[in-house]
Amino acid sequence: MTSSSAPSEPVPVPIRVLLPGDQDVVGRLWSKRQVRDGWLYEVGLPAYRNGPGDTVEPAEYRVWVRAPQHVRPLDGVSYDGVPVEYLEPPSLVERGLGPRR
């Protein structure tokens, strides 16, 4: 018997997110994206939101932050399984002509 499994959602890993005012919080790292001038990390920050009626429920606010300026790894946490989106390599023409001006 074979079973087919749908692609699973990435499992976020904990990461330290540096906030304004010399504050930091442990958030969740969802993915990494390479950009021309470095890296962006998609992090989930813990928060609360209003629920039905007068209730309050836990929530997560996701945002892209620059790495390494706004994040720090946690000791003992492996980041190998985090999805990574790399830039496409430059074409032969772009490599020959150099960067655009």
C-alpha atoms as a PDB file:
ATOM      1  CA  MET A   1       0.000   0.000   0.000  1.00  0.00           C
ATOM      2  CA  THR A   2       1.357   3.420  -0.915  1.00  0.00           C
ATOM      3  CA  SER A   3       0.321   6.699   0.509  1.00  0.00           C
ATOM      4  CA  SER A   4       0.581  10.017  -1.180  1.00  0.00           C
ATOM      5  CA  SER A   5       1.322  12.989   0.953  1.00  0.00           C
ATOM      6  CA  ALA A   6       0.677  16.576   0.028  1.00  0.00           C
ATOM      7  CA  PRO A   7       3.608  18.979   0.245  1.00  0.00           C
ATOM      8  CA  SER A   8       3.923  19.927   3.868  1.00  0.00           C
ATOM      9  CA  GLU A   9       4.046  23.450   5.197  1.00  0.00           C
ATOM     10  CA  PRO A  10       7.511  24.506   6.284  1.00  0.00           C
ATOM     11  CA  VAL A  11       8.059  24.146  10.001  1.00  0.00           C
ATOM     12  CA  PRO A  12       9.328  27.437  11.425  1.00  0.00           C
ATOM     13  CA  VAL A  13      12.316  27.463  13.749  1.00  0.00           C
ATOM     14  CA  PRO A  14      13.006  29.884  16.603  1.00  0.00           C
ATOM     15  CA  ILE A  15      15.228  32.899  15.963  1.00  0.00           C
ATOM     16  CA  ARG A  16      16.044  36.027  17.951  1.00  0.00           C
ATOM     17  CA  VAL A  17      14.576  39.173  16.336  1.00  0.00           C
ATOM     18  CA  LEU A  18      16.138  42.515  17.253  1.00  0.00           C
ATOM     19  CA  LEU A  19      13.567  45.258  17.815  1.00  0.00           C
ATOM     20  CA  PRO A  20      13.938  49.044  18.071  1.00  0.00           C
ATOM     21  CA  GLY A  21      15.024  50.415  21.432  1.00  0.00           C
ATOM     22  CA  ASP A  22      17.528  47.628  22.154  1.00  0.00           C
ATOM     23  CA  GLN A  23      14.745  45.082  22.632  1.00  0.00           C
ATOM     24  CA  ASP A  24      14.642  41.555  21.270  1.00  0.00           C
ATOM     25  CA  VAL A  25      12.097  38.762  21.124  1.00  0.00           C
ATOM     26  CA  VAL A  26      12.225  35.132  20.066  1.00  0.00           C
ATOM     27  CA  GLY A  27      10.207  34.805  16.877  1.00  0.00           C
ATOM     28  CA  ARG A  28       9.833  32.085  14.273  1.00  0.00           C
ATOM     29  CA  LEU A  29      11.846  31.961  11.046  1.00  0.00           C
ATOM     30  CA  TRP A  30       9.648  30.880   8.119  1.00  0.00           C
ATOM     31  CA  SER A  31      11.873  31.466   5.080  1.00  0.00           C
ATOM     32  CA  LYS A  32      14.928  33.253   3.711  1.00  0.00           C
ATOM     33  CA  ARG A  33      15.170  35.261   0.485  1.00  0.00           C
ATOM     34  CA  GLN A  34      18.347  36.415  -1.220  1.00  0.00           C
ATOM     35  CA  VAL A  35      18.187  39.959  -2.599  1.00  0.00           C
ATOM     36  CA  ARG A  36      20.793  41.929  -4.541  1.00  0.00           C
ATOM     37  CA  ASP A  37      22.237  43.581  -1.440  1.00  0.00           C
ATOM     38  CA  GLY A  38      21.970  40.717   1.063  1.00  0.00           C
ATOM     39  CA  TRP A  39      19.241  38.635   2.705  1.00  0.00           C
ATOM     40  CA  LEU A  40      15.682  39.055   3.940  1.00  0.00           C
ATOM     41  CA  TYR A  41      14.212  36.718   6.548  1.00  0.00           C
ATOM     42  CA  GLU A  42      10.475  36.146   6.920  1.00  0.00           C
ATOM     43  CA  VAL A  43       9.890  36.055  10.667  1.00  0.00           C
ATOM     44  CA  GLY A  44       6.747  35.562  12.709  1.00  0.00           C
ATOM     45  CA  LEU A  45       6.492  37.752  15.785  1.00  0.00           C
ATOM     46  CA  PRO A  46       4.229  36.803  18.691  1.00  0.00           C
ATOM     47  CA  ALA A  47       1.236  39.076  19.208  1.00  0.00           C
ATOM     48  CA  TYR A  48      -2.385  39.092  20.322  1.00  0.00           C
ATOM     49  CA  ARG A  49      -5.538  39.937  18.399  1.00  0.00           C
ATOM     50  CA  ASN A  50      -9.161  40.497  19.292  1.00  0.00           C
ATOM     51  CA  GLY A  51     -11.260  37.397  18.954  1.00  0.00           C
ATOM     52  CA  PRO A  52     -14.999  36.880  18.932  1.00  0.00           C
ATOM     53  CA  GLY A  53     -16.842  38.953  21.503  1.00  0.00           C
ATOM     54  CA  ASP A  54     -14.542  40.291  24.180  1.00  0.00           C
ATOM     55  CA  THR A  55     -11.912  37.577  23.816  1.00  0.00           C
ATOM     56  CA  VAL A  56      -8.229  37.950  23.083  1.00  0.00           C
ATOM     57  CA  GLU A  57      -6.332  35.225  21.279  1.00  0.00           C
ATOM     58  CA  PRO A  58      -2.688  34.584  20.399  1.00  0.00           C
ATOM     59  CA  ALA A  59      -1.580  35.584  16.925  1.00  0.00           C
ATOM     60  CA  GLU A  60       1.518  35.895  14.812  1.00  0.00           C
ATOM     61  CA  TYR A  61       2.575  38.944  12.797  1.00  0.00           C
ATOM     62  CA  ARG A  62       4.814  38.038   9.844  1.00  0.00           C
ATOM     63  CA  VAL A  63       7.281  40.510   8.445  1.00  0.00           C
ATOM     64  CA  TRP A  64      10.414  40.504   6.271  1.00  0.00           C
ATOM     65  CA  VAL A  65      13.521  41.812   8.057  1.00  0.00           C
ATOM     66  CA  ARG A  66      17.111  42.298   6.940  1.00  0.00           C
ATOM     67  CA  ALA A  67      19.619  39.679   8.007  1.00  0.00           C
ATOM     68  CA  PRO A  68      21.908  39.790   9.885  1.00  0.00           C
ATOM     69  CA  GLN A  69      21.007  43.339  11.005  1.00  0.00           C
ATOM     70  CA  HIS A  70      17.698  42.372  12.643  1.00  0.00           C
ATOM     71  CA  VAL A  71      18.089  38.680  13.543  1.00  0.00           C
ATOM     72  CA  ARG A  72      20.428  36.465  15.529  1.00  0.00           C
ATOM     73  CA  PRO A  73      20.570  32.660  15.557  1.00  0.00           C
ATOM     74  CA  LEU A  74      19.801  30.774  18.758  1.00  0.00           C
ATOM     75  CA  ASP A  75      22.347  28.320  20.111  1.00  0.00           C
ATOM     76  CA  GLY A  76      21.465  24.712  19.385  1.00  0.00           C
ATOM     77  CA  VAL A  77      18.917  25.498  16.648  1.00  0.00           C
ATOM     78  CA  SER A  78      19.472  24.112  13.132  1.00  0.00           C
ATOM     79  CA  TYR A  79      18.405  26.393  10.283  1.00  0.00           C
ATOM     80  CA  ASP A  80      19.145  23.818   7.562  1.00  0.00           C
ATOM     81  CA  GLY A  81      15.469  23.016   6.903  1.00  0.00           C
ATOM     82  CA  VAL A  82      14.364  26.634   6.387  1.00  0.00           C
ATOM     83  CA  PRO A  83      13.156  27.234   2.795  1.00  0.00           C
ATOM     84  CA  VAL A  84      15.578  29.466   0.854  1.00  0.00           C
ATOM     85  CA  GLU A  85      14.815  31.494  -2.276  1.00  0.00           C
ATOM     86  CA  TYR A  86      17.996  32.359  -4.190  1.00  0.00           C
ATOM     87  CA  LEU A  87      18.418  35.051  -6.822  1.00  0.00           C
ATOM     88  CA  GLU A  88      18.587  33.805 -10.368  1.00  0.00           C
ATOM     89  CA  PRO A  89      22.173  33.862 -11.635  1.00  0.00           C
ATOM     90  CA  PRO A  90      22.924  36.669 -14.091  1.00  0.00           C
ATOM     91  CA  SER A  91      22.603  35.839 -17.779  1.00  0.00           C
ATOM     92  CA  LEU A  92      25.662  35.609 -20.014  1.00  0.00           C
ATOM     93  CA  VAL A  93      24.812  39.068 -21.382  1.00  0.00           C
ATOM     94  CA  GLU A  94      24.576  40.566 -17.876  1.00  0.00           C
ATOM     95  CA  ARG A  95      27.858  38.928 -16.906  1.00  0.00           C
ATOM     96  CA  GLY A  96      29.541  40.294 -20.049  1.00  0.00           C
ATOM     97  CA  LEU A  97      28.145  43.826 -19.744  1.00  0.00           C
ATOM     98  CA  GLY A  98      28.382  44.105 -15.985  1.00  0.00           C
ATOM     99  CA  PRO A  99      25.851  45.636 -13.594  1.00  0.00           C
ATOM    100  CA  ARG A 100      23.196  47.994 -14.932  1.00  0.00           C
ATOM    101  CA  ARG A 101      23.689  51.667 -14.357  1.00  0.00           C
END
